[in-house]
Protein backbone atom coordinates (compact mmCIF):
# COMPACT_ATOMS: atom_id res chain seq x y z
CA MET A 1 0.00 0.00 0.00
CA VAL A 2 1.34 3.43 -0.96
CA ARG A 3 0.88 5.99 1.79
CA GLU A 4 0.19 9.52 0.60
CA PRO A 5 1.91 12.15 2.75
CA ALA A 6 -0.51 14.15 4.86
CA PRO A 7 -0.64 17.81 3.79
CA LEU A 8 0.24 20.48 6.29
CA ALA A 9 -1.29 23.94 6.57
CA ALA A 10 1.07 25.34 3.96
CA ALA A 11 -1.54 27.04 1.84
CA ALA A 12 -2.66 29.16 4.76
CA ARG A 13 0.90 30.46 5.03
CA GLY A 14 1.01 31.46 1.38
CA LEU A 15 3.20 28.47 0.54
CA PRO A 16 0.95 25.90 -1.12
CA ILE A 17 2.12 22.45 -2.08
CA ALA A 18 3.10 22.75 -5.73
CA SER A 19 3.99 19.18 -6.67
CA VAL A 20 4.61 15.63 -5.56
CA ARG A 21 8.01 14.21 -6.40
CA ALA A 22 9.28 10.62 -6.48
CA ILE A 23 12.49 10.31 -4.48
CA PHE A 24 13.26 6.70 -5.42
CA ASN A 25 12.26 3.97 -7.86
CA PRO A 26 10.17 1.26 -6.14
CA ASP A 27 11.40 -1.32 -8.67
CA ASP A 28 14.96 -0.82 -7.42
CA VAL A 29 13.82 -1.45 -3.87
CA GLU A 30 11.77 -4.52 -4.77
CA GLN A 31 14.69 -6.06 -6.63
CA ARG A 32 17.00 -5.44 -3.68
CA LEU A 33 14.49 -6.95 -1.26
CA LYS A 34 13.92 -10.08 -3.38
CA ARG A 35 17.65 -10.62 -3.82
CA LEU A 36 18.24 -10.21 -0.09
CA LYS A 37 15.54 -12.71 0.84
CA ALA A 38 16.77 -15.19 -1.78
CA GLN A 39 20.15 -15.19 -0.11
CA GLY A 40 18.55 -16.58 3.03
CA HIS A 41 20.19 -14.11 5.42
CA GLU A 42 17.01 -12.57 6.82
CA ARG A 43 18.22 -12.77 10.40
CA GLU A 44 21.59 -11.12 9.70
CA GLN A 45 20.04 -8.56 7.36
CA ALA A 46 16.76 -8.02 9.24
CA THR A 47 17.26 -4.26 9.58
CA LEU A 48 17.94 -3.88 5.86
CA CYS A 49 14.85 -5.94 4.98
CA GLN A 50 12.75 -3.78 7.28
CA THR A 51 14.17 -0.65 5.63
CA TYR A 52 13.19 -1.85 2.15
CA GLU A 53 9.74 -2.91 3.35
CA ARG A 54 9.24 0.48 5.00
CA MET A 55 10.23 2.24 1.77
CA LEU A 56 7.71 0.22 -0.25
CA GLU A 57 4.97 0.76 2.33
CA ARG A 58 5.49 4.50 2.40
CA GLY A 59 5.96 4.78 -1.34
CA PRO A 60 8.32 7.12 -3.23
CA GLN A 61 6.12 10.24 -3.36
CA ARG A 62 7.06 13.25 -1.25
CA PHE A 63 5.83 16.83 -1.24
CA ALA A 64 8.01 19.44 -2.92
CA VAL A 65 6.90 22.75 -1.40
CA LYS A 66 7.13 25.90 -3.44
CA PRO A 67 5.96 29.47 -2.82
CA SER A 68 3.07 30.81 -4.88
CA GLY A 69 4.65 34.22 -4.43
CA VAL A 70 7.36 35.93 -2.45
CA PRO A 71 6.23 35.53 1.18
CA ASP A 72 6.25 38.34 3.69
CA MET A 73 9.72 38.12 5.17
CA ALA A 74 9.58 41.36 7.14
CA PRO A 75 9.19 39.55 10.49
CA LEU A 76 12.34 37.53 9.77
CA TYR A 77 14.31 40.67 8.92
CA GLU A 78 13.26 42.08 12.30
CA GLN A 79 13.86 38.83 14.15
CA LEU A 80 17.25 38.15 12.53
CA PRO A 81 18.71 41.58 11.74
CA ASN A 82 22.27 40.26 11.38
CA PHE A 83 21.11 37.82 8.67
CA ARG A 84 19.94 40.44 6.17
CA ALA A 85 22.31 39.36 3.40
CA VAL A 86 21.26 35.71 3.70
CA LEU A 87 17.57 36.62 3.74
CA ASP A 88 18.10 38.73 0.62
CA ASP A 89 19.62 35.67 -1.07
CA ILE A 90 16.69 33.46 -0.04
CA LYS A 91 14.24 36.06 -1.34
CA ARG A 92 15.97 36.02 -4.76
CA HIS A 93 15.68 32.23 -5.00
CA VAL A 94 12.01 32.32 -3.99
CA ALA A 95 11.28 35.05 -6.55
CA LEU A 96 12.81 32.92 -9.32
CA ALA A 97 10.86 29.82 -8.27
CA GLN A 98 7.48 31.54 -8.21
CA ALA A 99 8.08 33.13 -11.62
CA GLY A 100 7.79 29.82 -13.49
CA SER A 101 7.20 26.09 -13.25
CA ASP A 102 10.64 25.29 -11.86
CA SER A 103 10.98 23.89 -8.36
CA LEU A 104 12.54 25.93 -5.59
CA GLU A 105 16.32 25.71 -5.86
CA VAL A 106 18.51 27.28 -3.18
CA THR A 107 22.27 27.39 -3.60
CA PRO A 108 23.91 25.70 -0.58
CA ILE A 109 24.63 28.24 2.14
CA LEU A 110 27.54 28.52 4.57
CA LEU A 111 26.86 30.67 7.63
CA LEU A 112 30.23 31.75 8.95
CA GLY A 113 30.46 33.34 12.36
CA PRO A 114 31.20 32.94 16.09
CA PRO A 115 29.14 30.62 18.30
CA GLY A 116 25.81 31.88 19.58
CA VAL A 117 24.92 34.38 16.84
CA GLY A 118 21.82 32.41 15.84
CA LYS A 119 22.98 30.32 12.87
CA THR A 120 20.96 27.22 13.77
CA HIS A 121 17.95 29.36 14.74
CA PHE A 122 18.09 30.94 11.29
CA ALA A 123 17.89 27.51 9.67
CA GLN A 124 14.85 26.63 11.80
CA GLN A 125 13.12 29.83 10.78
CA LEU A 126 13.92 29.19 7.11
CA ALA A 127 12.35 25.72 7.30
CA GLU A 128 9.21 27.26 8.82
CA LEU A 129 9.11 29.96 6.14
CA LEU A 130 9.24 27.34 3.40
CA ALA A 131 6.77 25.05 5.23
CA THR A 132 9.19 22.14 5.23
CA THR A 133 11.17 20.28 7.90
CA MET A 134 14.69 20.65 9.29
CA THR A 135 17.26 17.97 10.11
CA LEU A 136 20.34 18.84 12.16
CA VAL A 137 23.60 16.98 11.49
CA PRO A 138 26.18 17.91 14.18
CA MET A 139 29.57 17.43 12.55
CA SER A 140 31.48 18.09 15.79
CA SER A 141 30.28 14.72 17.10
CA MET A 142 31.15 12.74 14.01
CA THR A 143 33.84 10.06 14.09
CA ALA A 144 33.20 8.62 10.62
CA GLY A 145 31.52 9.49 7.34
CA TRP A 146 28.46 7.29 7.94
CA LEU A 147 26.34 9.97 9.65
CA LEU A 148 25.56 11.64 6.34
CA SER A 149 25.77 8.73 3.92
CA GLY A 150 25.00 5.69 6.07
CA SER A 151 27.18 2.70 6.94
CA SER A 152 27.48 -0.55 5.04
CA SER A 153 24.90 -3.17 6.01
CA GLN A 154 27.80 -5.61 6.43
CA TRP A 155 28.83 -3.84 9.64
CA LYS A 156 27.31 -4.59 13.02
CA GLY A 157 24.88 -1.87 14.07
CA ALA A 158 24.78 -0.42 10.54
CA LYS A 159 22.00 2.01 9.67
CA PRO A 160 21.06 4.63 7.07
CA GLY A 161 22.48 8.14 7.17
CA LYS A 162 20.72 11.39 7.97
CA VAL A 163 20.05 12.29 4.33
CA PHE A 164 18.27 8.98 3.72
CA GLU A 165 16.26 9.33 6.94
CA ALA A 166 15.21 12.92 6.18
CA LEU A 167 13.90 11.97 2.75
CA VAL A 168 12.58 8.43 3.20
CA ASP A 169 11.14 8.84 6.70
CA GLY A 170 10.02 12.43 6.13
CA ASP A 171 7.17 13.92 4.10
CA TYR A 172 9.18 16.30 1.92
CA ALA A 173 11.48 16.05 -1.07
CA ASN A 174 13.06 19.38 -0.13
CA PRO A 175 13.78 19.43 3.61
CA VAL A 176 16.30 21.82 5.12
CA ILE A 177 19.37 19.86 6.24
CA VAL A 178 21.76 21.73 8.52
CA VAL A 179 25.36 20.50 8.62
CA ASP A 180 26.32 22.15 11.89
CA GLU A 181 29.93 23.12 12.64
CA ILE A 182 31.24 21.71 9.39
CA ASP A 183 34.70 23.01 10.27
CA LYS A 184 34.86 20.62 13.24
CA ALA A 185 34.48 17.41 11.27
CA SER A 186 37.00 14.99 12.70
CA GLU A 187 40.32 15.06 10.86
CA HIS A 188 41.20 11.70 12.35
CA ALA A 189 38.12 9.81 11.19
CA GLN A 190 38.72 6.53 9.38
CA TYR A 191 36.50 7.79 6.58
CA ASP A 192 36.16 11.35 5.33
CA PRO A 193 33.12 12.79 7.17
CA LEU A 194 32.65 15.35 4.40
CA GLY A 195 33.08 12.91 1.52
CA ALA A 196 29.37 12.57 0.80
CA LEU A 197 28.94 16.34 0.54
CA TYR A 198 30.98 16.58 -2.65
CA GLY A 199 28.15 14.90 -4.53
CA LEU A 200 25.24 16.03 -2.39
CA LEU A 201 25.96 19.72 -2.92
CA GLU A 202 25.78 19.29 -6.71
CA PRO A 203 22.17 18.91 -7.94
CA GLN A 204 23.16 16.71 -10.89
CA THR A 205 24.95 14.08 -8.81
CA ALA A 206 22.55 14.45 -5.87
CA GLN A 207 19.72 13.17 -8.09
CA ARG A 208 21.13 9.65 -7.65
CA PHE A 209 22.57 9.75 -4.16
CA VAL A 210 23.27 6.26 -2.84
CA ASP A 211 23.16 5.68 0.89
CA GLU A 212 25.79 3.07 1.80
CA PHE A 213 23.33 1.15 3.97
CA ALA A 214 20.32 0.93 1.61
CA GLU A 215 22.33 0.99 -1.65
CA VAL A 216 19.34 2.35 -3.56
CA PRO A 217 19.54 5.62 -5.55
CA ILE A 218 17.63 8.47 -3.91
CA ASP A 219 16.85 11.90 -5.34
CA ALA A 220 18.42 14.36 -2.90
CA SER A 221 18.67 17.16 -5.46
CA GLN A 222 15.90 19.21 -3.84
CA VAL A 223 17.45 19.31 -0.37
CA ILE A 224 18.08 22.84 0.95
CA TRP A 225 21.57 22.79 2.47
CA ILE A 226 22.63 25.08 5.30
CA THR A 227 26.10 24.62 6.77
CA THR A 228 27.55 26.50 9.72
CA ALA A 229 31.15 27.13 10.74
CA ASN A 230 33.31 29.28 12.97
CA ASP A 231 36.44 29.06 10.80
CA GLU A 232 36.38 28.56 7.04
CA ARG A 233 40.06 27.59 6.92
CA ALA A 234 39.18 24.08 8.11
CA ILE A 235 36.74 23.52 5.23
CA PRO A 236 38.07 21.91 2.02
CA GLU A 237 38.17 24.37 -0.87
CA PRO A 238 36.05 22.17 -3.22
CA ILE A 239 33.22 22.26 -0.67
CA LEU A 240 33.58 25.99 -0.08
CA ASN A 241 33.31 26.52 -3.85
CA ARG A 242 29.94 24.79 -3.89
CA MET A 243 28.35 27.22 -1.40
CA ASN A 244 27.38 30.86 -1.02
CA VAL A 245 29.36 32.06 2.00
CA PHE A 246 27.86 34.63 4.38
CA GLU A 247 29.79 36.08 7.30
CA ILE A 248 27.37 36.54 10.20
CA ALA A 249 28.46 39.20 12.65
CA PRO A 250 27.10 39.38 16.19
CA PRO A 251 24.15 41.78 16.36
CA THR A 252 24.78 45.36 17.35
CA HIS A 253 23.51 46.50 20.75
CA GLU A 254 20.32 47.93 19.23
CA GLU A 255 19.80 44.82 17.07
CA ALA A 256 20.26 42.65 20.17
CA ARG A 257 17.63 44.70 22.01
CA THR A 258 15.23 44.13 19.10
CA ILE A 259 15.91 40.38 19.15
CA ALA A 260 15.37 40.28 22.93
CA ARG A 261 12.11 42.24 22.70
CA GLN A 262 10.68 39.94 20.02
CA LEU A 263 11.75 36.86 21.95
CA TYR A 264 10.01 38.23 25.05
CA GLN A 265 6.83 38.74 23.04
CA ARG A 266 6.99 35.26 21.45
CA LEU A 267 7.49 33.54 24.81
CA ARG A 268 4.68 35.55 26.36
CA ALA A 269 2.31 34.68 23.50
CA ALA A 270 3.27 30.99 23.47
CA HIS A 271 2.32 30.30 27.10
CA ASP A 272 -0.92 30.69 29.01
CA TRP A 273 0.98 32.29 31.88
CA GLY A 274 2.09 35.00 29.46
CA ARG A 275 -1.19 36.85 30.02
CA LEU A 276 0.03 37.65 33.54
CA PHE A 277 2.94 39.73 32.23
CA ASP A 278 3.24 43.17 30.68
CA GLU A 279 3.12 43.36 26.89
CA GLU A 280 6.53 45.05 26.75
CA PRO A 281 9.70 44.46 28.77
CA GLY A 282 11.44 47.40 30.42
CA ASP A 283 14.52 49.11 28.98
CA ASP A 284 16.70 47.85 31.83
CA VAL A 285 15.73 44.25 31.03
CA LEU A 286 16.39 44.74 27.31
CA ASP A 287 19.80 46.29 28.03
CA ARG A 288 20.76 43.30 30.16
CA LEU A 289 19.52 40.81 27.59
CA ALA A 290 21.42 42.63 24.85
CA GLU A 291 24.64 41.61 26.58
CA LEU A 292 23.88 37.95 25.88
CA ALA A 293 24.39 35.87 22.78
CA PRO A 294 21.02 35.37 21.02
CA ARG A 295 20.84 31.68 21.90
CA GLU A 296 21.26 32.49 25.60
CA MET A 297 18.41 34.99 25.68
CA ARG A 298 15.60 32.45 25.83
CA ARG A 299 17.04 30.65 28.86
CA ALA A 300 17.60 33.96 30.60
CA LEU A 301 14.05 35.12 29.91
CA MET A 302 12.51 31.88 31.17
CA THR A 303 14.47 32.27 34.40
CA ALA A 304 13.33 35.88 34.68
CA PHE A 305 9.67 35.01 34.11
CA GLY A 306 9.92 32.37 36.82
CA ASN A 307 11.57 34.74 39.30
CA ALA A 308 8.95 37.41 38.64
CA ARG A 309 6.12 34.95 39.32
CA LEU A 310 7.75 33.88 42.57
CA ASP A 311 7.54 37.55 43.57
CA GLU A 312 3.98 37.69 42.21
CA ARG A 313 4.89 40.43 39.77
CA GLY A 314 3.55 40.95 36.25
CA HIS A 315 6.66 42.70 35.02
CA LEU A 316 10.28 41.68 34.72
CA GLU A 317 13.13 43.47 36.46
CA ALA A 318 16.81 43.29 35.62
CA ARG A 319 17.46 41.43 38.85
CA ASP A 320 15.19 38.60 37.64
CA LEU A 321 17.71 37.71 34.97
CA PRO A 322 20.41 35.18 35.88
CA SER A 323 23.86 36.49 36.67
CA ALA A 324 26.62 35.54 34.27
CA PRO A 325 28.60 32.53 35.49
CA HIS A 326 31.91 33.54 37.03
CA GLY A 327 34.54 34.11 34.39
CA LYS A 328 32.18 33.60 31.44
CA VAL A 329 33.09 35.76 28.47
CA ARG A 330 30.19 37.22 26.57
CA ILE A 331 30.10 37.68 22.85
CA GLY A 332 31.23 41.15 21.83
CA PHE A 333 28.91 43.47 19.97
CA LEU A 334 29.66 45.82 17.14
CA GLN A 335 29.34 49.46 18.01
C-alpha cells in the first residue's frame, strides 16, 4: 500500500504544495528486497529488509513545497537583523521559483560566524518559512563518514544516514538539512566525514545519491543545504566553492535589544501564563539581555519570568535575569 503524505497547513501560510516528487524507484527497492531474501540471510540482514519494506509501504512520493509568491519576510528581517544578506539571497531564490514552473532551488549556504549568533535558529526559521522540515547533522560529534551517507549493512549496528532518513522517513522532497559546525568534522576519522557532501551539494549528482546502507539511488537534489562554521580555513576548498558564503556578525547592541524584545513577546504569546505579564519588557531588562548571545536569551528570559512569578509580579526586572557565570566571556557586539 502506498501511503500519501498528509498535507500540512502550507496554503494558509502562502506556501501551497506545488507538486509531488518521487524520491526513489520502487522497482529498485523490490529487486533489492527479493535478492536479499533469496540469499537466506534474513536474520543477519533483518534491519535492511525492514528498511526496504518500509520504503515500499510509504511509497516514493514526497511533497516538494514551493511558494506561490514571495512571502512576507519582514518579520524575519526584524527577528534576525544580522542575517539580512542571507535573507536577501533566499528572497531572490524564492522570486525565481514563483516566476515559473521550476521547483525551488537554493544554492547551498555557509553561515560563517562565532558561536551563539543564531545560525541554527536561522535555519529553523527558514524551514518554517518554506513550510518544510529541518534535520540537524552535528559534525562536531562525528567520528566517521556514515552519519551523512550511512554505513554498510555488512557492519554490526549499521544504519542509514541522515540524508536517507530525512527523505525516506520524512514527508518532503526538499527538507532543510543543517550541517552544523562543518569546520569541526574529525580530521582523524577513518572515513572522510565530508566525503558525501561533494556529490550532495551538486544537484546533478545528488539526483542519484546512494546511501551506503540501503544501496538504492535516492533523489536528494531538492534538499536545501545550510552549513555553519566558525572558521572557514578548516573547510576543504572544493566544498567551499559549492556554497554561497555569508559572514554573520554578532548583532549590534540595538539589534540585540530588538531580538530580545521579540523573543520576550513570542514567549509571552506561546504560554498561558504569558497573560500575567506586561506586553513590553522594560529598557533595563532589554539592556541586560542585549549583553547575551542570542541563543542564551531564551534561557535567561525563562528564568526571569519564573523569578517574577515567585515575587507575584507581572513585570520583569533586571534582577530577575540570571547572573553571568563567574569568568564567562560574553560575545562582543559591534558598536
